Protein backbone atom coordinates (compact mmCIF):
# COMPACT_ATOMS: atom_id res chain seq x y z
CA MET A 1 195.28 80.75 -22.22
CA ARG A 2 198.80 80.79 -20.77
CA ALA A 3 200.85 77.70 -20.08
CA ALA A 4 202.38 79.19 -16.90
CA ARG A 5 199.00 79.72 -15.24
CA LEU A 6 197.77 76.29 -16.32
CA ALA A 7 200.93 74.70 -14.91
CA ALA A 8 200.45 76.55 -11.63
CA VAL A 9 196.92 75.20 -11.21
CA ALA A 10 198.08 71.70 -12.17
CA ARG A 11 200.97 71.88 -9.69
CA LYS A 12 198.63 73.00 -6.91
CA GLU A 13 196.26 70.11 -7.63
CA MET A 14 199.10 67.59 -7.88
CA LEU A 15 200.44 68.65 -4.47
CA HIS A 16 197.00 68.07 -3.00
CA VAL A 17 196.80 64.61 -4.57
CA ILE A 18 200.26 63.66 -3.30
CA ARG A 19 199.54 64.94 0.20
CA ASP A 20 196.16 63.20 0.38
CA PRO A 21 196.71 59.43 0.75
CA ARG A 22 192.99 58.84 0.25
CA SER A 23 193.13 60.29 -3.26
CA LEU A 24 196.14 58.14 -4.15
CA ALA A 25 194.49 55.05 -2.69
CA MET A 26 191.30 55.77 -4.62
CA GLY A 27 193.20 56.42 -7.82
CA ILE A 28 195.68 53.54 -7.77
CA ALA A 29 194.99 50.93 -5.10
CA ILE A 30 191.23 50.58 -5.64
CA PRO A 31 191.44 49.89 -9.42
CA LEU A 32 194.08 47.22 -8.83
CA LEU A 33 192.05 45.65 -6.03
CA LEU A 34 188.92 45.62 -8.19
CA MET A 35 190.81 44.01 -11.07
CA VAL A 36 192.06 41.22 -8.82
CA LEU A 37 188.71 40.63 -7.13
CA PHE A 38 186.48 40.79 -10.19
CA GLY A 39 189.06 39.33 -12.57
CA TYR A 40 189.14 36.12 -10.57
CA ALA A 41 185.59 36.16 -9.23
CA LEU A 42 183.61 36.93 -12.39
CA SER A 43 183.35 33.89 -14.61
CA THR A 44 180.69 32.40 -16.84
CA ASP A 45 182.49 29.05 -17.14
CA VAL A 46 180.84 25.96 -15.70
CA ARG A 47 183.30 24.01 -13.57
CA ASP A 48 182.60 21.14 -11.16
CA LEU A 49 178.85 21.59 -11.18
CA PRO A 50 177.47 18.97 -8.73
CA LEU A 51 175.58 16.35 -10.75
CA ALA A 52 173.44 13.69 -9.07
CA VAL A 53 172.50 10.57 -11.05
CA TRP A 54 169.45 8.34 -10.95
CA ASP A 55 170.65 5.41 -13.04
CA ARG A 56 167.73 3.06 -13.61
CA SER A 57 169.60 1.20 -16.38
CA ARG A 58 172.73 0.20 -14.44
CA THR A 59 174.57 -0.97 -17.55
CA PRO A 60 178.03 -0.27 -18.99
CA GLN A 61 176.38 2.14 -21.42
CA SER A 62 174.74 4.20 -18.68
CA ARG A 63 177.94 4.24 -16.63
CA GLY A 64 179.86 5.33 -19.72
CA LEU A 65 177.53 8.30 -20.18
CA VAL A 66 177.98 9.36 -16.57
CA ASP A 67 181.77 9.04 -16.90
CA ALA A 68 181.73 11.19 -20.03
CA LEU A 69 179.89 13.97 -18.20
CA THR A 70 182.14 13.92 -15.12
CA ARG A 71 185.37 13.66 -17.14
CA SER A 72 184.47 16.83 -19.05
CA GLY A 73 185.29 19.00 -16.03
CA ALA A 74 181.94 20.74 -16.22
CA PHE A 75 180.31 18.30 -13.79
CA ARG A 76 181.37 16.34 -10.74
CA ALA A 77 179.60 13.35 -9.24
CA ALA A 78 177.29 14.28 -6.38
CA GLY A 79 175.98 10.84 -5.51
CA SER A 80 173.47 8.29 -6.76
CA LEU A 81 169.74 8.74 -6.26
CA ALA A 82 166.80 6.36 -6.22
CA GLY A 83 163.79 8.43 -7.21
CA TYR A 84 162.42 11.85 -8.05
CA GLY A 85 161.85 12.51 -4.36
CA GLU A 86 165.58 12.20 -3.71
CA VAL A 87 166.28 14.41 -6.72
CA GLU A 88 164.07 17.11 -5.26
CA ASP A 89 165.67 16.76 -1.83
CA ALA A 90 169.19 16.97 -3.25
CA MET A 91 168.41 20.16 -5.17
CA ALA A 92 166.54 21.73 -2.27
CA ALA A 93 169.51 21.06 0.02
CA ARG A 94 171.87 22.36 -2.70
CA ARG A 95 173.80 19.09 -2.77
CA ALA A 96 173.16 18.96 -6.52
CA ALA A 97 172.75 21.68 -9.12
CA ALA A 98 171.64 19.17 -11.77
CA ALA A 99 170.43 15.60 -11.93
CA LEU A 100 170.67 13.03 -14.71
CA VAL A 101 167.87 10.46 -14.99
CA ILE A 102 168.68 7.41 -17.15
CA PRO A 103 165.66 5.14 -17.95
CA ARG A 104 165.66 1.35 -17.68
CA GLY A 105 165.64 0.63 -21.44
CA PHE A 106 168.54 2.99 -22.17
CA ALA A 107 171.10 0.33 -23.14
CA ASP A 108 168.60 -1.77 -25.10
CA SER A 109 167.63 1.24 -27.20
CA LEU A 110 171.25 2.03 -27.99
CA LEU A 111 172.20 -1.52 -28.91
CA SER A 112 169.17 -1.93 -31.15
CA GLY A 113 169.83 1.36 -32.97
CA ARG A 114 166.74 3.10 -31.65
CA PRO A 115 166.86 6.65 -30.21
CA ALA A 116 167.63 6.60 -26.49
CA ALA A 117 166.40 9.42 -24.25
CA VAL A 118 167.77 10.63 -20.96
CA GLN A 119 166.48 13.41 -18.73
CA LEU A 120 168.54 16.27 -17.30
CA LEU A 121 167.02 18.24 -14.45
CA ALA A 122 168.64 21.57 -13.55
CA ASP A 123 168.10 23.91 -10.62
CA GLY A 124 166.31 26.82 -12.28
CA SER A 125 166.64 29.12 -9.26
CA ASP A 126 170.02 30.02 -10.79
CA ALA A 127 168.82 30.49 -14.35
CA PHE A 128 172.24 31.38 -15.77
CA SER A 129 173.98 28.27 -14.42
CA ALA A 130 170.98 26.12 -15.37
CA ARG A 131 171.15 27.26 -19.01
CA LEU A 132 174.89 26.62 -19.15
CA ALA A 133 174.52 23.21 -17.51
CA MET A 134 171.87 22.13 -20.03
CA SER A 135 173.96 23.45 -22.92
CA TYR A 136 177.12 21.68 -21.73
CA ALA A 137 175.30 18.42 -21.06
CA SER A 138 173.55 18.47 -24.45
CA SER A 139 176.87 19.05 -26.20
CA ILE A 140 178.59 16.23 -24.31
CA VAL A 141 175.76 13.75 -24.81
CA SER A 142 175.41 14.51 -28.52
CA GLY A 143 179.08 13.69 -29.11
CA TRP A 144 179.25 10.67 -26.83
CA ARG A 145 179.84 7.15 -28.20
CA TRP A 146 178.70 4.32 -25.97
CA PRO A 147 180.73 1.17 -25.25
CA GLY A 148 180.19 -1.39 -27.96
CA ALA A 149 178.88 1.10 -30.54
CA ARG A 150 179.07 -0.20 -34.09
CA ALA A 151 180.46 1.72 -37.02
CA SER A 152 176.98 1.90 -38.51
CA HIS A 153 175.92 4.00 -35.56
CA GLU A 154 178.47 6.70 -36.34
CA PRO A 155 176.90 9.92 -37.66
CA PRO A 156 177.19 10.44 -41.44
CA LEU A 157 178.38 14.03 -40.99
CA GLU A 158 181.19 15.14 -38.72
CA VAL A 159 181.18 18.80 -37.71
CA SER A 160 184.46 20.47 -36.77
CA VAL A 161 183.88 23.41 -34.44
CA ARG A 162 186.51 26.02 -33.63
CA ALA A 163 186.22 29.28 -31.70
CA TRP A 164 188.26 32.13 -33.15
CA TYR A 165 190.05 34.76 -31.04
CA ASN A 166 189.36 32.82 -27.83
CA PRO A 167 189.94 29.18 -28.74
CA THR A 168 189.83 27.94 -25.15
CA LEU A 169 186.51 29.77 -24.59
CA GLU A 170 187.81 31.15 -21.30
CA SER A 171 185.20 33.61 -20.10
CA ARG A 172 187.91 35.61 -18.32
CA ASN A 173 189.37 36.64 -21.66
CA GLY A 174 186.12 38.38 -22.55
CA ILE A 175 185.33 39.69 -19.08
CA VAL A 176 188.63 41.33 -18.11
CA PRO A 177 188.89 43.84 -21.01
CA GLY A 178 185.31 44.95 -20.39
CA LEU A 179 185.94 45.07 -16.66
CA ALA A 180 188.86 47.43 -17.25
CA ALA A 181 186.55 49.85 -19.06
CA VAL A 182 184.02 49.84 -16.20
CA ILE A 183 186.69 50.36 -13.52
CA LEU A 184 188.40 53.18 -15.42
CA MET A 185 185.15 55.06 -16.00
CA VAL A 186 184.02 54.84 -12.37
CA ILE A 187 187.39 55.68 -10.80
CA ALA A 188 188.11 58.50 -13.26
CA ALA A 189 184.80 60.25 -12.63
CA LEU A 190 184.99 59.63 -8.88
CA LEU A 191 188.46 61.16 -8.58
CA THR A 192 187.62 64.47 -10.23
CA SER A 193 184.10 64.68 -8.78
CA LEU A 194 185.69 65.83 -5.51
CA SER A 195 188.08 68.37 -7.02
CA VAL A 196 186.06 71.58 -7.46
CA ALA A 197 183.52 70.63 -4.78
CA ARG A 198 186.38 70.57 -2.29
CA GLU A 199 187.36 74.11 -3.35
CA TRP A 200 183.80 75.31 -2.76
CA GLU A 201 183.56 73.68 0.67
CA THR A 202 186.95 74.95 1.89
CA GLY A 203 186.35 78.46 0.53
CA THR A 204 189.42 78.50 -1.73
CA MET A 205 187.37 78.80 -4.93
CA GLU A 206 186.88 82.52 -4.26
CA GLN A 207 190.65 82.92 -4.05
CA LEU A 208 191.09 81.12 -7.39
CA VAL A 209 188.44 83.31 -9.00
CA SER A 210 190.23 86.46 -7.83
CA THR A 211 193.42 85.41 -9.66
CA PRO A 212 194.00 85.95 -13.41
CA VAL A 213 193.41 82.24 -14.06
CA GLU A 214 190.94 81.72 -16.90
CA LYS A 215 188.15 79.14 -16.91
CA THR A 216 189.87 76.93 -19.48
CA GLU A 217 193.13 77.04 -17.55
CA LEU A 218 191.33 76.13 -14.33
CA VAL A 219 189.54 73.16 -15.92
CA LEU A 220 192.63 71.79 -17.67
CA GLY A 221 194.84 72.46 -14.66
CA LYS A 222 192.44 70.59 -12.41
CA LEU A 223 192.32 67.66 -14.85
CA ALA A 224 196.04 67.30 -15.61
CA PRO A 225 197.18 65.56 -12.39
CA TYR A 226 194.25 63.16 -12.46
CA VAL A 227 194.83 62.34 -16.12
CA ALA A 228 198.39 61.39 -15.11
CA VAL A 229 196.99 59.12 -12.39
CA GLY A 230 194.52 57.69 -14.92
CA ALA A 231 197.34 56.98 -17.38
CA LEU A 232 199.16 55.07 -14.64
CA ASP A 233 195.96 53.12 -13.95
CA VAL A 234 195.66 52.20 -17.64
CA VAL A 235 199.22 50.83 -17.66
CA LEU A 236 198.78 48.91 -14.41
CA ILE A 237 195.39 47.47 -15.40
CA ALA A 238 196.63 46.38 -18.83
CA GLY A 239 199.72 44.83 -17.22
CA MET A 240 197.60 42.92 -14.71
CA ALA A 241 195.26 41.72 -17.45
CA VAL A 242 198.13 40.30 -19.49
CA PHE A 243 200.68 39.11 -16.92
CA LEU A 244 198.48 38.22 -13.93
CA LEU A 245 195.17 37.16 -15.47
CA GLY A 246 196.63 35.76 -18.70
CA VAL A 247 194.49 37.72 -21.19
CA PRO A 248 196.20 37.92 -24.61
CA LEU A 249 197.00 41.36 -26.02
CA ARG A 250 197.12 41.05 -29.80
CA GLY A 251 196.36 44.58 -31.00
CA SER A 252 198.14 47.91 -31.28
CA LEU A 253 199.46 49.37 -28.04
CA PRO A 254 199.55 52.96 -29.39
CA PHE A 255 195.91 52.70 -30.48
CA LEU A 256 194.92 51.27 -27.09
CA ALA A 257 196.82 54.06 -25.33
CA LEU A 258 195.21 56.82 -27.42
CA SER A 259 191.68 55.48 -27.03
CA SER A 260 192.27 55.03 -23.29
CA PHE A 261 193.44 58.65 -23.05
CA PHE A 262 190.25 59.94 -24.68
CA PHE A 263 188.06 57.70 -22.53
CA VAL A 264 189.78 58.51 -19.23
CA THR A 265 189.95 62.23 -19.95
CA GLY A 266 186.28 62.29 -20.95
CA SER A 267 185.27 60.39 -17.81
CA MET A 268 187.32 62.73 -15.63
CA SER A 269 185.75 65.73 -17.35
CA LEU A 270 182.34 64.24 -16.53
CA GLY A 271 183.39 63.95 -12.89
CA LEU A 272 184.61 67.55 -12.95
CA LEU A 273 181.28 68.67 -14.40
CA ILE A 274 179.46 66.91 -11.56
CA SER A 275 181.80 68.52 -9.04
CA ILE A 276 181.19 72.00 -10.45
CA ALA A 277 177.43 71.54 -10.57
CA THR A 278 176.93 70.08 -7.09
CA ARG A 279 179.52 72.01 -5.01
CA ARG A 280 179.32 69.29 -2.33
CA GLN A 281 181.82 66.44 -2.08
CA LEU A 282 179.40 63.86 -0.69
CA LEU A 283 176.72 64.60 -3.26
CA ALA A 284 179.30 64.77 -6.05
CA SER A 285 180.79 61.38 -5.20
CA GLN A 286 177.36 59.72 -4.96
CA LEU A 287 176.20 61.24 -8.23
CA ALA A 288 179.45 60.23 -9.95
CA ILE A 289 178.97 56.58 -8.93
CA VAL A 290 175.33 56.51 -10.07
CA THR A 291 176.01 58.16 -13.44
CA THR A 292 179.04 56.01 -14.28
CA PHE A 293 178.88 52.60 -12.61
CA LEU A 294 175.30 51.65 -13.42
CA PRO A 295 175.38 52.62 -17.13
CA ALA A 296 178.88 51.21 -17.61
CA PHE A 297 178.01 47.93 -15.89
CA LEU A 298 174.53 47.36 -17.28
CA LEU A 299 174.40 49.13 -20.66
CA SER A 300 177.89 48.76 -22.12
CA GLY A 301 177.68 45.13 -23.21
CA PHE A 302 180.13 44.17 -20.48
CA VAL A 303 177.71 41.76 -18.78
CA PHE A 304 174.53 41.72 -20.87
CA ASP A 305 174.43 41.35 -24.63
CA ILE A 306 173.14 44.59 -26.14
CA ALA A 307 171.47 42.75 -29.05
CA SER A 308 169.20 40.91 -26.60
CA MET A 309 167.97 44.12 -24.95
CA PRO A 310 164.66 45.80 -25.86
CA PRO A 311 164.95 48.28 -28.77
CA VAL A 312 164.41 51.30 -26.50
CA VAL A 313 167.23 50.21 -24.18
CA GLN A 314 169.48 49.48 -27.16
CA ALA A 315 168.96 53.07 -28.30
CA VAL A 316 169.92 54.35 -24.84
CA THR A 317 173.18 52.36 -24.89
CA HIS A 318 174.44 54.57 -27.72
CA LEU A 319 174.69 57.37 -25.14
CA VAL A 320 176.97 55.32 -22.86
CA PRO A 321 180.67 55.92 -23.70
CA ALA A 322 181.67 52.67 -21.99
CA ARG A 323 179.82 50.77 -24.72
CA TYR A 324 182.36 51.90 -27.32
CA PHE A 325 185.37 51.51 -25.05
CA VAL A 326 184.36 47.94 -24.12
CA THR A 327 184.27 47.17 -27.86
CA ILE A 328 187.71 48.76 -28.32
CA GLN A 329 189.18 46.85 -25.37
CA ARG A 330 187.89 43.45 -26.46
CA THR A 331 188.82 43.96 -30.10
CA VAL A 332 192.34 45.16 -29.36
CA PHE A 333 193.04 42.49 -26.75
CA LEU A 334 191.48 39.45 -28.41
CA LYS A 335 191.12 40.19 -32.13
CA GLY A 336 194.19 42.34 -32.71
CA GLY A 337 192.13 45.12 -34.31
CA GLY A 338 193.29 48.69 -34.68
CA PHE A 339 192.35 52.00 -36.24
CA SER A 340 191.28 50.47 -39.57
CA VAL A 341 188.49 48.58 -37.81
CA LEU A 342 187.77 50.72 -34.77
CA TRP A 343 188.05 54.25 -36.15
CA PRO A 344 184.31 55.00 -35.59
CA ASP A 345 184.64 54.05 -31.92
CA MET A 346 187.84 56.09 -31.65
CA LEU A 347 186.12 59.16 -33.09
CA LEU A 348 183.24 58.72 -30.65
CA MET A 349 185.73 58.52 -27.78
CA ALA A 350 187.37 61.75 -28.96
CA GLY A 351 183.97 63.42 -29.32
CA TYR A 352 182.97 62.26 -25.84
CA CYS A 353 186.17 63.74 -24.42
CA LEU A 354 185.72 67.13 -26.13
CA LEU A 355 182.01 67.32 -25.26
CA ALA A 356 182.64 66.55 -21.59
CA LEU A 357 185.45 69.13 -21.45
CA ALA A 358 183.27 71.77 -23.06
CA ALA A 359 180.39 70.99 -20.70
CA ALA A 360 182.65 71.26 -17.63
CA ARG A 361 184.06 74.58 -18.79
CA GLY A 362 180.61 75.93 -19.65
CA ARG A 363 179.18 74.93 -16.27
CA LEU A 364 182.14 76.54 -14.49
CA ARG A 365 181.56 79.73 -16.45
CA LEU A 366 177.91 79.79 -15.34
CA SER A 367 178.83 79.07 -11.74
CA LEU A 368 181.43 81.84 -11.51
CA GLY A 369 179.66 84.39 -13.67
CA ARG A 370 180.41 85.38 -17.22
CA GLY A 371 183.41 87.49 -16.53
CA GLY A 372 186.64 86.30 -18.13
CA SER A 373 187.11 83.73 -20.90
């Protein structure tokens, strides 16, 4: 392998990228747009959930409970109701996502020291929001103290709860690092999936084959410009996460940069492998999206907890590189971890990169014949 020939292939590919505004837009503008859209749009926090109230008690105690729920920020008042029929109508018309039913003897039970029960009804058509609403309401109600409560009614044990690494429990802090991994994998593979397929369609691959360029030089030369674009994406995405979306970055920047290099290079090698195997730009781009976006989004732990998946699916997630990079991103950003904690994931990233490179080179060798090295 000669550096001059590799540089010539890389220069040729870089000129094509620069002269093709679509490639630059795909490589730089789309990742930034996706970070802005998904960074602000994706959230698991409950804010201003419309709460309707059927207060059959109509006492200071019942009004105090309603005030506690609406002051929390998780709920907002959506009107008073006068029966289960109105509750059903409000939820069917989507005027309320939850309803609180307070019985007539609510205040009497509290003042006499007996357990007092209330009912929370949630719209189960949105199961995720319903679970969060019930969890938030249960937490607020369990810590609420009604007007006129006596000291004897105070609980004998006080529990102090604190969330480490994300004390404000902002869902964005956990979503954005994982989102960066998904975006990088999809864009990286999509960029290079068109590279060799374009050469086949335009007929220039035969010209490249007739030159002294070796298979390894061709693969690395094709990858080099896109790796540079990917490195720029990593910097821009990390900068947006910290300075625009407010995600803390507590870990080692060199470790994050090295792991990102392995991940991006491996994903681009996967895209190059798809491009070599398909020889058609449309098919290559479609296959790149299917093989990167769906596994990275569904099986990396970005959205769904891997531990809650069936055992067979959990086993499959070990084959998804984004699973390890999501872990690296979240640990470096939020926990401040580095090589001492994440070295197994780093080694897997390096192995993924080398394996994808070797597969791309091997497939190119089969496609062009076994002549040369």
